[in-house]
Amino acid sequence: SRVQKYAEFMNKELQKIPEYKRRTGSKAPMRWAYI
């Protein structure tokens, strides 16, 4: 159940990364941190 919760959070946050890229110009550090 813990991995399921972690994965749900990860999937949700990875979907937001294009929005972060538009605001910050980079998505790589954030994506790497989530991974």
PDB file of all heavy atoms in Angstrom:
ATOM      1  N   SER A   1       0.830  -1.203   0.000  1.00  0.00           N
ATOM      2  CA  SER A   1       0.000   0.000   0.000  1.00  0.00           C
ATOM      3  C   SER A   1       0.867   1.257   0.000  1.00  0.00           C
ATOM      4  O   SER A   1       0.511   2.270  -0.604  1.00  0.00           O
ATOM      5  CB  SER A   1      -0.976   0.018   1.168  1.00  0.00           C
ATOM      6  OG  SER A   1      -0.322   0.214   2.385  1.00  0.00           O
ATOM      7  N   ARG A   2       2.023   1.181   0.641  1.00  0.00           N
ATOM      8  CA  ARG A   2       2.906   2.344   0.651  1.00  0.00           C
ATOM      9  C   ARG A   2       3.449   2.637  -0.745  1.00  0.00           C
ATOM     10  O   ARG A   2       3.475   3.783  -1.180  1.00  0.00           O
ATOM     11  CB  ARG A   2       4.049   2.120   1.638  1.00  0.00           C
ATOM     12  CG  ARG A   2       4.782   3.410   1.929  1.00  0.00           C
ATOM     13  CD  ARG A   2       5.745   3.277   3.042  1.00  0.00           C
ATOM     14  NE  ARG A   2       5.084   3.349   4.330  1.00  0.00           N
ATOM     15  CZ  ARG A   2       5.710   3.511   5.472  1.00  0.00           C
ATOM     16  NH1 ARG A   2       7.022   3.610   5.482  1.00  0.00           N
ATOM     17  NH2 ARG A   2       5.059   3.575   6.597  1.00  0.00           N
ATOM     18  N   VAL A   3       3.863   1.599  -1.470  1.00  0.00           N
ATOM     19  CA  VAL A   3       4.354   1.808  -2.839  1.00  0.00           C
ATOM     20  C   VAL A   3       3.231   2.334  -3.719  1.00  0.00           C
ATOM     21  O   VAL A   3       3.451   3.201  -4.567  1.00  0.00           O
ATOM     22  CB  VAL A   3       4.991   0.518  -3.418  1.00  0.00           C
ATOM     23  CG1 VAL A   3       5.108   0.580  -4.934  1.00  0.00           C
ATOM     24  CG2 VAL A   3       6.368   0.304  -2.809  1.00  0.00           C
ATOM     25  N   GLN A   4       2.027   1.846  -3.520  1.00  0.00           N
ATOM     26  CA  GLN A   4       0.874   2.338  -4.283  1.00  0.00           C
ATOM     27  C   GLN A   4       0.694   3.838  -4.049  1.00  0.00           C
ATOM     28  O   GLN A   4       0.518   4.607  -4.999  1.00  0.00           O
ATOM     29  CB  GLN A   4      -0.394   1.580  -3.866  1.00  0.00           C
ATOM     30  CG  GLN A   4      -1.657   2.053  -4.549  1.00  0.00           C
ATOM     31  CD  GLN A   4      -1.728   1.646  -6.007  1.00  0.00           C
ATOM     32  OE1 GLN A   4      -1.341   0.545  -6.365  1.00  0.00           O
ATOM     33  NE2 GLN A   4      -2.209   2.531  -6.853  1.00  0.00           N
ATOM     34  N   LYS A   5       0.758   4.279  -2.797  1.00  0.00           N
ATOM     35  CA  LYS A   5       0.615   5.704  -2.476  1.00  0.00           C
ATOM     36  C   LYS A   5       1.752   6.520  -3.058  1.00  0.00           C
ATOM     37  O   LYS A   5       1.540   7.609  -3.607  1.00  0.00           O
ATOM     38  CB  LYS A   5       0.541   5.917  -0.967  1.00  0.00           C
ATOM     39  CG  LYS A   5      -0.751   5.457  -0.364  1.00  0.00           C
ATOM     40  CD  LYS A   5      -0.746   5.616   1.141  1.00  0.00           C
ATOM     41  CE  LYS A   5      -1.997   5.014   1.738  1.00  0.00           C
ATOM     42  NZ  LYS A   5      -1.981   4.976   3.186  1.00  0.00           N
ATOM     43  N   TYR A   6       2.974   6.011  -2.937  1.00  0.00           N
ATOM     44  CA  TYR A   6       4.127   6.720  -3.506  1.00  0.00           C
ATOM     45  C   TYR A   6       3.966   6.878  -5.017  1.00  0.00           C
ATOM     46  O   TYR A   6       4.250   7.932  -5.576  1.00  0.00           O
ATOM     47  CB  TYR A   6       5.422   5.952  -3.245  1.00  0.00           C
ATOM     48  CG  TYR A   6       5.887   5.852  -1.825  1.00  0.00           C
ATOM     49  CD1 TYR A   6       6.827   4.887  -1.471  1.00  0.00           C
ATOM     50  CD2 TYR A   6       5.423   6.685  -0.813  1.00  0.00           C
ATOM     51  CE1 TYR A   6       7.289   4.763  -0.162  1.00  0.00           C
ATOM     52  CE2 TYR A   6       5.872   6.564   0.486  1.00  0.00           C
ATOM     53  CZ  TYR A   6       6.807   5.602   0.808  1.00  0.00           C
ATOM     54  OH  TYR A   6       7.259   5.472   2.088  1.00  0.00           O
ATOM     55  N   ALA A   7       3.511   5.802  -5.684  1.00  0.00           N
ATOM     56  CA  ALA A   7       3.351   5.835  -7.142  1.00  0.00           C
ATOM     57  C   ALA A   7       2.258   6.815  -7.552  1.00  0.00           C
ATOM     58  O   ALA A   7       2.414   7.549  -8.534  1.00  0.00           O
ATOM     59  CB  ALA A   7       3.050   4.438  -7.677  1.00  0.00           C
ATOM     60  N   GLU A   8       1.159   6.834  -6.822  1.00  0.00           N
ATOM     61  CA  GLU A   8       0.083   7.783  -7.137  1.00  0.00           C
ATOM     62  C   GLU A   8       0.596   9.216  -7.041  1.00  0.00           C
ATOM     63  O   GLU A   8       0.325  10.043  -7.917  1.00  0.00           O
ATOM     64  CB  GLU A   8      -1.104   7.576  -6.195  1.00  0.00           C
ATOM     65  CG  GLU A   8      -1.876   6.306  -6.467  1.00  0.00           C
ATOM     66  CD  GLU A   8      -2.897   5.979  -5.387  1.00  0.00           C
ATOM     67  OE1 GLU A   8      -3.083   6.776  -4.435  1.00  0.00           O
ATOM     68  OE2 GLU A   8      -3.513   4.892  -5.493  1.00  0.00           O
ATOM     69  N   PHE A   9       1.335   9.508  -5.974  1.00  0.00           N
ATOM     70  CA  PHE A   9       1.911  10.843  -5.812  1.00  0.00           C
ATOM     71  C   PHE A   9       2.882  11.148  -6.955  1.00  0.00           C
ATOM     72  O   PHE A   9       2.834  12.224  -7.559  1.00  0.00           O
ATOM     73  CB  PHE A   9       2.625  10.951  -4.459  1.00  0.00           C
ATOM     74  CG  PHE A   9       3.317  12.258  -4.263  1.00  0.00           C
ATOM     75  CD1 PHE A   9       2.595  13.382  -3.870  1.00  0.00           C
ATOM     76  CD2 PHE A   9       4.680  12.376  -4.465  1.00  0.00           C
ATOM     77  CE1 PHE A   9       3.225  14.604  -3.700  1.00  0.00           C
ATOM     78  CE2 PHE A   9       5.328  13.590  -4.294  1.00  0.00           C
ATOM     79  CZ  PHE A   9       4.596  14.706  -3.911  1.00  0.00           C
ATOM     80  N   MET A  10       3.753  10.210  -7.249  1.00  0.00           N
ATOM     81  CA  MET A  10       4.750  10.391  -8.311  1.00  0.00           C
ATOM     82  C   MET A  10       4.085  10.645  -9.649  1.00  0.00           C
ATOM     83  O   MET A  10       4.473  11.570 -10.374  1.00  0.00           O
ATOM     84  CB  MET A  10       5.611   9.135  -8.376  1.00  0.00           C
ATOM     85  CG  MET A  10       6.584   9.133  -9.499  1.00  0.00           C
ATOM     86  SD  MET A  10       8.115   9.859  -9.012  1.00  0.00           S
ATOM     87  CE  MET A  10       9.190   8.870 -10.003  1.00  0.00           C
ATOM     88  N   ASN A  11       3.093   9.851 -10.001  1.00  0.00           N
ATOM     89  CA  ASN A  11       2.402  10.028 -11.280  1.00  0.00           C
ATOM     90  C   ASN A  11       1.761  11.419 -11.364  1.00  0.00           C
ATOM     91  O   ASN A  11       1.853  12.086 -12.396  1.00  0.00           O
ATOM     92  CB  ASN A  11       1.349   8.939 -11.482  1.00  0.00           C
ATOM     93  CG  ASN A  11       1.973   7.598 -11.791  1.00  0.00           C
ATOM     94  OD1 ASN A  11       3.030   7.506 -12.406  1.00  0.00           O
ATOM     95  ND2 ASN A  11       1.323   6.540 -11.346  1.00  0.00           N
ATOM     96  N   LYS A  12       1.143  11.836 -10.284  1.00  0.00           N
ATOM     97  CA  LYS A  12       0.495  13.154 -10.252  1.00  0.00           C
ATOM     98  C   LYS A  12       1.533  14.267 -10.416  1.00  0.00           C
ATOM     99  O   LYS A  12       1.344  15.198 -11.201  1.00  0.00           O
ATOM    100  CB  LYS A  12      -0.269  13.314  -8.940  1.00  0.00           C
ATOM    101  CG  LYS A  12      -1.081  14.595  -8.845  1.00  0.00           C
ATOM    102  CD  LYS A  12      -1.870  14.625  -7.551  1.00  0.00           C
ATOM    103  CE  LYS A  12      -0.970  15.241  -6.511  1.00  0.00           C
ATOM    104  NZ  LYS A  12      -1.545  15.430  -5.200  1.00  0.00           N
ATOM    105  N   GLU A  13       2.628  14.171  -9.690  1.00  0.00           N
ATOM    106  CA  GLU A  13       3.637  15.223  -9.731  1.00  0.00           C
ATOM    107  C   GLU A  13       4.381  15.258 -11.061  1.00  0.00           C
ATOM    108  O   GLU A  13       4.700  16.341 -11.563  1.00  0.00           O
ATOM    109  CB  GLU A  13       4.625  15.063  -8.573  1.00  0.00           C
ATOM    110  CG  GLU A  13       3.996  15.302  -7.222  1.00  0.00           C
ATOM    111  CD  GLU A  13       3.327  16.675  -7.102  1.00  0.00           C
ATOM    112  OE1 GLU A  13       3.966  17.692  -7.416  1.00  0.00           O
ATOM    113  OE2 GLU A  13       2.150  16.722  -6.680  1.00  0.00           O
ATOM    114  N   LEU A  14       4.647  14.100 -11.651  1.00  0.00           N
ATOM    115  CA  LEU A  14       5.337  14.088 -12.945  1.00  0.00           C
ATOM    116  C   LEU A  14       4.484  14.739 -14.035  1.00  0.00           C
ATOM    117  O   LEU A  14       5.029  15.327 -14.968  1.00  0.00           O
ATOM    118  CB  LEU A  14       5.731  12.665 -13.344  1.00  0.00           C
ATOM    119  CG  LEU A  14       6.873  12.043 -12.551  1.00  0.00           C
ATOM    120  CD1 LEU A  14       7.153  10.628 -13.049  1.00  0.00           C
ATOM    121  CD2 LEU A  14       8.136  12.881 -12.587  1.00  0.00           C
ATOM    122  N   GLN A  15       3.175  14.649 -13.898  1.00  0.00           N
ATOM    123  CA  GLN A  15       2.293  15.304 -14.865  1.00  0.00           C
ATOM    124  C   GLN A  15       2.390  16.820 -14.785  1.00  0.00           C
ATOM    125  O   GLN A  15       2.133  17.519 -15.760  1.00  0.00           O
ATOM    126  CB  GLN A  15       0.846  14.873 -14.654  1.00  0.00           C
ATOM    127  CG  GLN A  15       0.571  13.456 -15.077  1.00  0.00           C
ATOM    128  CD  GLN A  15      -0.859  13.041 -14.777  1.00  0.00           C
ATOM    129  OE1 GLN A  15      -1.639  13.785 -14.188  1.00  0.00           O
ATOM    130  NE2 GLN A  15      -1.216  11.831 -15.176  1.00  0.00           N
ATOM    131  N   LYS A  16       2.750  17.346 -13.632  1.00  0.00           N
ATOM    132  CA  LYS A  16       2.849  18.792 -13.440  1.00  0.00           C
ATOM    133  C   LYS A  16       4.151  19.380 -13.972  1.00  0.00           C
ATOM    134  O   LYS A  16       4.264  20.593 -14.085  1.00  0.00           O
ATOM    135  CB  LYS A  16       2.756  19.132 -11.951  1.00  0.00           C
ATOM    136  CG  LYS A  16       1.433  18.821 -11.317  1.00  0.00           C
ATOM    137  CD  LYS A  16       1.496  19.169  -9.844  1.00  0.00           C
ATOM    138  CE  LYS A  16       0.245  18.798  -9.097  1.00  0.00           C
ATOM    139  NZ  LYS A  16       0.375  19.096  -7.662  1.00  0.00           N
ATOM    140  N   ILE A  17       5.113  18.559 -14.293  1.00  0.00           N
ATOM    141  CA  ILE A  17       6.429  19.071 -14.659  1.00  0.00           C
ATOM    142  C   ILE A  17       6.410  19.987 -15.888  1.00  0.00           C
ATOM    143  O   ILE A  17       7.116  20.991 -15.878  1.00  0.00           O
ATOM    144  CB  ILE A  17       7.446  17.926 -14.784  1.00  0.00           C
ATOM    145  CG1 ILE A  17       7.758  17.447 -13.369  1.00  0.00           C
ATOM    146  CG2 ILE A  17       8.704  18.354 -15.507  1.00  0.00           C
ATOM    147  CD1 ILE A  17       8.759  16.358 -13.256  1.00  0.00           C
ATOM    148  N   PRO A  18       5.622  19.735 -16.929  1.00  0.00           N
ATOM    149  CA  PRO A  18       5.604  20.713 -18.024  1.00  0.00           C
ATOM    150  C   PRO A  18       5.212  22.120 -17.551  1.00  0.00           C
ATOM    151  O   PRO A  18       5.751  23.118 -18.029  1.00  0.00           O
ATOM    152  CB  PRO A  18       4.570  20.140 -18.995  1.00  0.00           C
ATOM    153  CG  PRO A  18       4.616  18.665 -18.743  1.00  0.00           C
ATOM    154  CD  PRO A  18       4.864  18.544 -17.248  1.00  0.00           C
ATOM    155  N   GLU A  19       4.305  22.196 -16.585  1.00  0.00           N
ATOM    156  CA  GLU A  19       3.920  23.493 -16.011  1.00  0.00           C
ATOM    157  C   GLU A  19       5.125  24.137 -15.321  1.00  0.00           C
ATOM    158  O   GLU A  19       5.384  25.321 -15.463  1.00  0.00           O
ATOM    159  CB  GLU A  19       2.782  23.280 -15.006  1.00  0.00           C
ATOM    160  CG  GLU A  19       2.436  24.490 -14.183  1.00  0.00           C
ATOM    161  CD  GLU A  19       1.461  24.139 -13.067  1.00  0.00           C
ATOM    162  OE1 GLU A  19       0.640  23.222 -13.240  1.00  0.00           O
ATOM    163  OE2 GLU A  19       1.544  24.803 -12.022  1.00  0.00           O
ATOM    164  N   TYR A  20       5.878  23.348 -14.575  1.00  0.00           N
ATOM    165  CA  TYR A  20       7.075  23.874 -13.909  1.00  0.00           C
ATOM    166  C   TYR A  20       8.100  24.337 -14.935  1.00  0.00           C
ATOM    167  O   TYR A  20       8.776  25.335 -14.741  1.00  0.00           O
ATOM    168  CB  TYR A  20       7.711  22.806 -13.010  1.00  0.00           C
ATOM    169  CG  TYR A  20       6.854  22.369 -11.860  1.00  0.00           C
ATOM    170  CD1 TYR A  20       6.692  21.020 -11.570  1.00  0.00           C
ATOM    171  CD2 TYR A  20       6.212  23.285 -11.037  1.00  0.00           C
ATOM    172  CE1 TYR A  20       5.915  20.598 -10.503  1.00  0.00           C
ATOM    173  CE2 TYR A  20       5.424  22.871  -9.971  1.00  0.00           C
ATOM    174  CZ  TYR A  20       5.282  21.531  -9.710  1.00  0.00           C
ATOM    175  OH  TYR A  20       4.516  21.116  -8.663  1.00  0.00           O
ATOM    176  N   LYS A  21       8.226  23.602 -16.029  1.00  0.00           N
ATOM    177  CA  LYS A  21       9.204  23.963 -17.059  1.00  0.00           C
ATOM    178  C   LYS A  21       8.862  25.326 -17.644  1.00  0.00           C
ATOM    179  O   LYS A  21       9.745  26.152 -17.876  1.00  0.00           O
ATOM    180  CB  LYS A  21       9.250  22.909 -18.161  1.00  0.00           C
ATOM    181  CG  LYS A  21      10.302  23.216 -19.200  1.00  0.00           C
ATOM    182  CD  LYS A  21      10.384  22.152 -20.257  1.00  0.00           C
ATOM    183  CE  LYS A  21      11.465  22.523 -21.251  1.00  0.00           C
ATOM    184  NZ  LYS A  21      11.561  21.586 -22.332  1.00  0.00           N
ATOM    185  N   ARG A  22       7.575  25.573 -17.887  1.00  0.00           N
ATOM    186  CA  ARG A  22       7.176  26.882 -18.434  1.00  0.00           C
ATOM    187  C   ARG A  22       7.536  28.005 -17.469  1.00  0.00           C
ATOM    188  O   ARG A  22       7.949  29.079 -17.870  1.00  0.00           O
ATOM    189  CB  ARG A  22       5.673  26.896 -18.715  1.00  0.00           C
ATOM    190  CG  ARG A  22       5.284  26.181 -19.988  1.00  0.00           C
ATOM    191  CD  ARG A  22       3.848  26.488 -20.391  1.00  0.00           C
ATOM    192  NE  ARG A  22       2.868  26.117 -19.382  1.00  0.00           N
ATOM    193  CZ  ARG A  22       2.352  24.892 -19.231  1.00  0.00           C
ATOM    194  NH1 ARG A  22       2.735  23.921 -20.018  1.00  0.00           N
ATOM    195  NH2 ARG A  22       1.463  24.650 -18.304  1.00  0.00           N
ATOM    196  N   ARG A  23       7.384  27.736 -16.170  1.00  0.00           N
ATOM    197  CA  ARG A  23       7.661  28.776 -15.183  1.00  0.00           C
ATOM    198  C   ARG A  23       9.148  28.952 -14.895  1.00  0.00           C
ATOM    199  O   ARG A  23       9.602  30.056 -14.654  1.00  0.00           O
ATOM    200  CB  ARG A  23       6.935  28.479 -13.867  1.00  0.00           C
ATOM    201  CG  ARG A  23       5.443  28.748 -13.964  1.00  0.00           C
ATOM    202  CD  ARG A  23       4.799  28.671 -12.621  1.00  0.00           C
ATOM    203  NE  ARG A  23       4.858  27.291 -12.139  1.00  0.00           N
ATOM    204  CZ  ARG A  23       4.617  26.916 -10.910  1.00  0.00           C
ATOM    205  NH1 ARG A  23       4.333  27.800  -9.996  1.00  0.00           N
ATOM    206  NH2 ARG A  23       4.669  25.660 -10.559  1.00  0.00           N
ATOM    207  N   THR A  24       9.897  27.851 -14.888  1.00  0.00           N
ATOM    208  CA  THR A  24      11.292  27.929 -14.451  1.00  0.00           C
ATOM    209  C   THR A  24      12.299  27.753 -15.575  1.00  0.00           C
ATOM    210  O   THR A  24      13.469  28.071 -15.402  1.00  0.00           O
ATOM    211  CB  THR A  24      11.587  26.844 -13.394  1.00  0.00           C
ATOM    212  OG1 THR A  24      11.463  25.560 -14.005  1.00  0.00           O
ATOM    213  CG2 THR A  24      10.666  26.975 -12.201  1.00  0.00           C
ATOM    214  N   GLY A  25      11.858  27.207 -16.691  1.00  0.00           N
ATOM    215  CA  GLY A  25      12.766  26.968 -17.801  1.00  0.00           C
ATOM    216  C   GLY A  25      13.465  25.623 -17.748  1.00  0.00           C
ATOM    217  O   GLY A  25      14.168  25.253 -18.671  1.00  0.00           O
ATOM    218  N   SER A  26      13.297  24.875 -16.669  1.00  0.00           N
ATOM    219  CA  SER A  26      13.961  23.576 -16.553  1.00  0.00           C
ATOM    220  C   SER A  26      13.070  22.600 -15.799  1.00  0.00           C
ATOM    221  O   SER A  26      12.436  22.957 -14.823  1.00  0.00           O
ATOM    222  CB  SER A  26      15.283  23.718 -15.807  1.00  0.00           C
ATOM    223  OG  SER A  26      15.848  22.445 -15.602  1.00  0.00           O
ATOM    224  N   LYS A  27      13.069  21.387 -16.284  1.00  0.00           N
ATOM    225  CA  LYS A  27      12.321  20.353 -15.582  1.00  0.00           C
ATOM    226  C   LYS A  27      13.225  19.246 -15.069  1.00  0.00           C
ATOM    227  O   LYS A  27      12.836  18.473 -14.218  1.00  0.00           O
ATOM    228  CB  LYS A  27      11.245  19.754 -16.478  1.00  0.00           C
ATOM    229  CG  LYS A  27      11.772  18.948 -17.644  1.00  0.00           C
ATOM    230  CD  LYS A  27      10.653  18.343 -18.439  1.00  0.00           C
ATOM    231  CE  LYS A  27      11.226  17.504 -19.575  1.00  0.00           C
ATOM    232  NZ  LYS A  27      10.226  16.849 -20.349  1.00  0.00           N
ATOM    233  N   ALA A  28      14.439  19.177 -15.545  1.00  0.00           N
ATOM    234  CA  ALA A  28      15.316  18.059 -15.229  1.00  0.00           C
ATOM    235  C   ALA A  28      15.592  17.899 -13.732  1.00  0.00           C
ATOM    236  O   ALA A  28      15.460  16.790 -13.214  1.00  0.00           O
ATOM    237  CB  ALA A  28      16.619  18.168 -16.009  1.00  0.00           C
ATOM    238  N   PRO A  29      15.986  18.939 -12.999  1.00  0.00           N
ATOM    239  CA  PRO A  29      16.277  18.713 -11.570  1.00  0.00           C
ATOM    240  C   PRO A  29      15.061  18.225 -10.787  1.00  0.00           C
ATOM    241  O   PRO A  29      15.189  17.356  -9.931  1.00  0.00           O
ATOM    242  CB  PRO A  29      16.734  20.088 -11.073  1.00  0.00           C
ATOM    243  CG  PRO A  29      17.209  20.789 -12.288  1.00  0.00           C
ATOM    244  CD  PRO A  29      16.330  20.279 -13.403  1.00  0.00           C
ATOM    245  N   MET A  30      13.907  18.755 -11.093  1.00  0.00           N
ATOM    246  CA  MET A  30      12.708  18.350 -10.376  1.00  0.00           C
ATOM    247  C   MET A  30      12.365  16.899 -10.693  1.00  0.00           C
ATOM    248  O   MET A  30      12.071  16.111  -9.796  1.00  0.00           O
ATOM    249  CB  MET A  30      11.538  19.266 -10.716  1.00  0.00           C
ATOM    250  CG  MET A  30      10.284  18.954  -9.943  1.00  0.00           C
ATOM    251  SD  MET A  30       9.028  20.185 -10.210  1.00  0.00           S
ATOM    252  CE  MET A  30       9.696  21.506  -9.228  1.00  0.00           C
ATOM    253  N   ARG A  31      12.419  16.553 -11.947  1.00  0.00           N
ATOM    254  CA  ARG A  31      12.122  15.178 -12.363  1.00  0.00           C
ATOM    255  C   ARG A  31      13.111  14.214 -11.707  1.00  0.00           C
ATOM    256  O   ARG A  31      12.726  13.179 -11.185  1.00  0.00           O
ATOM    257  CB  ARG A  31      12.174  15.059 -13.884  1.00  0.00           C
ATOM    258  CG  ARG A  31      11.855  13.673 -14.377  1.00  0.00           C
ATOM    259  CD  ARG A  31      11.891  13.614 -15.906  1.00  0.00           C
ATOM    260  NE  ARG A  31      11.589  12.297 -16.363  1.00  0.00           N
ATOM    261  CZ  ARG A  31      10.389  11.751 -16.427  1.00  0.00           C
ATOM    262  NH1 ARG A  31       9.339  12.454 -16.070  1.00  0.00           N
ATOM    263  NH2 ARG A  31      10.208  10.524 -16.834  1.00  0.00           N
ATOM    264  N   TRP A  32      14.391  14.567 -11.736  1.00  0.00           N
ATOM    265  CA  TRP A  32      15.406  13.719 -11.141  1.00  0.00           C
ATOM    266  C   TRP A  32      15.125  13.534  -9.647  1.00  0.00           C
ATOM    267  O   TRP A  32      15.274  12.438  -9.113  1.00  0.00           O
ATOM    268  CB  TRP A  32      16.801  14.321 -11.357  1.00  0.00           C
ATOM    269  CG  TRP A  32      17.860  13.459 -10.761  1.00  0.00           C
ATOM    270  CD1 TRP A  32      18.499  12.414 -11.357  1.00  0.00           C
ATOM    271  CD2 TRP A  32      18.367  13.541  -9.425  1.00  0.00           C
ATOM    272  NE1 TRP A  32      19.381  11.837 -10.462  1.00  0.00           N
ATOM    273  CE2 TRP A  32      19.319  12.512  -9.269  1.00  0.00           C
ATOM    274  CE3 TRP A  32      18.114  14.371  -8.346  1.00  0.00           C
ATOM    275  CZ2 TRP A  32      20.015  12.300  -8.079  1.00  0.00           C
ATOM    276  CZ3 TRP A  32      18.805  14.159  -7.158  1.00  0.00           C
ATOM    277  CH2 TRP A  32      19.747  13.139  -7.038  1.00  0.00           C
ATOM    278  N   ALA A  33      14.737  14.595  -8.965  1.00  0.00           N
ATOM    279  CA  ALA A  33      14.460  14.510  -7.525  1.00  0.00           C
ATOM    280  C   ALA A  33      13.294  13.560  -7.253  1.00  0.00           C
ATOM    281  O   ALA A  33      13.363  12.741  -6.321  1.00  0.00           O
ATOM    282  CB  ALA A  33      14.166  15.892  -6.957  1.00  0.00           C
ATOM    283  N   TYR A  34      12.236  13.659  -8.034  1.00  0.00           N
ATOM    284  CA  TYR A  34      11.099  12.752  -7.846  1.00  0.00           C
ATOM    285  C   TYR A  34      11.525  11.294  -8.067  1.00  0.00           C
ATOM    286  O   TYR A  34      11.165  10.405  -7.298  1.00  0.00           O
ATOM    287  CB  TYR A  34       9.943  13.105  -8.776  1.00  0.00           C
ATOM    288  CG  TYR A  34       9.130  14.290  -8.323  1.00  0.00           C
ATOM    289  CD1 TYR A  34       8.929  15.373  -9.156  1.00  0.00           C
ATOM    290  CD2 TYR A  34       8.563  14.328  -7.056  1.00  0.00           C
ATOM    291  CE1 TYR A  34       8.187  16.469  -8.734  1.00  0.00           C
ATOM    292  CE2 TYR A  34       7.824  15.413  -6.624  1.00  0.00           C
ATOM    293  CZ  TYR A  34       7.636  16.480  -7.475  1.00  0.00           C
ATOM    294  OH  TYR A  34       6.902  17.558  -7.059  1.00  0.00           O
ATOM    295  N   ILE A  35      12.277  11.050  -9.133  1.00  0.00           N
ATOM    296  CA  ILE A  35      12.739   9.695  -9.441  1.00  0.00           C
ATOM    297  C   ILE A  35      13.613   9.173  -8.298  1.00  0.00           C
ATOM    298  O   ILE A  35      13.450   8.038  -7.827  1.00  0.00           O
ATOM    299  CB  ILE A  35      13.527   9.668 -10.763  1.00  0.00           C
ATOM    300  CG1 ILE A  35      12.645  10.074 -11.955  1.00  0.00           C
ATOM    301  CG2 ILE A  35      14.198   8.311 -10.997  1.00  0.00           C
ATOM    302  CD1 ILE A  35      11.607   9.085 -12.367  1.00  0.00           C
TER     303      ILE A  35
END
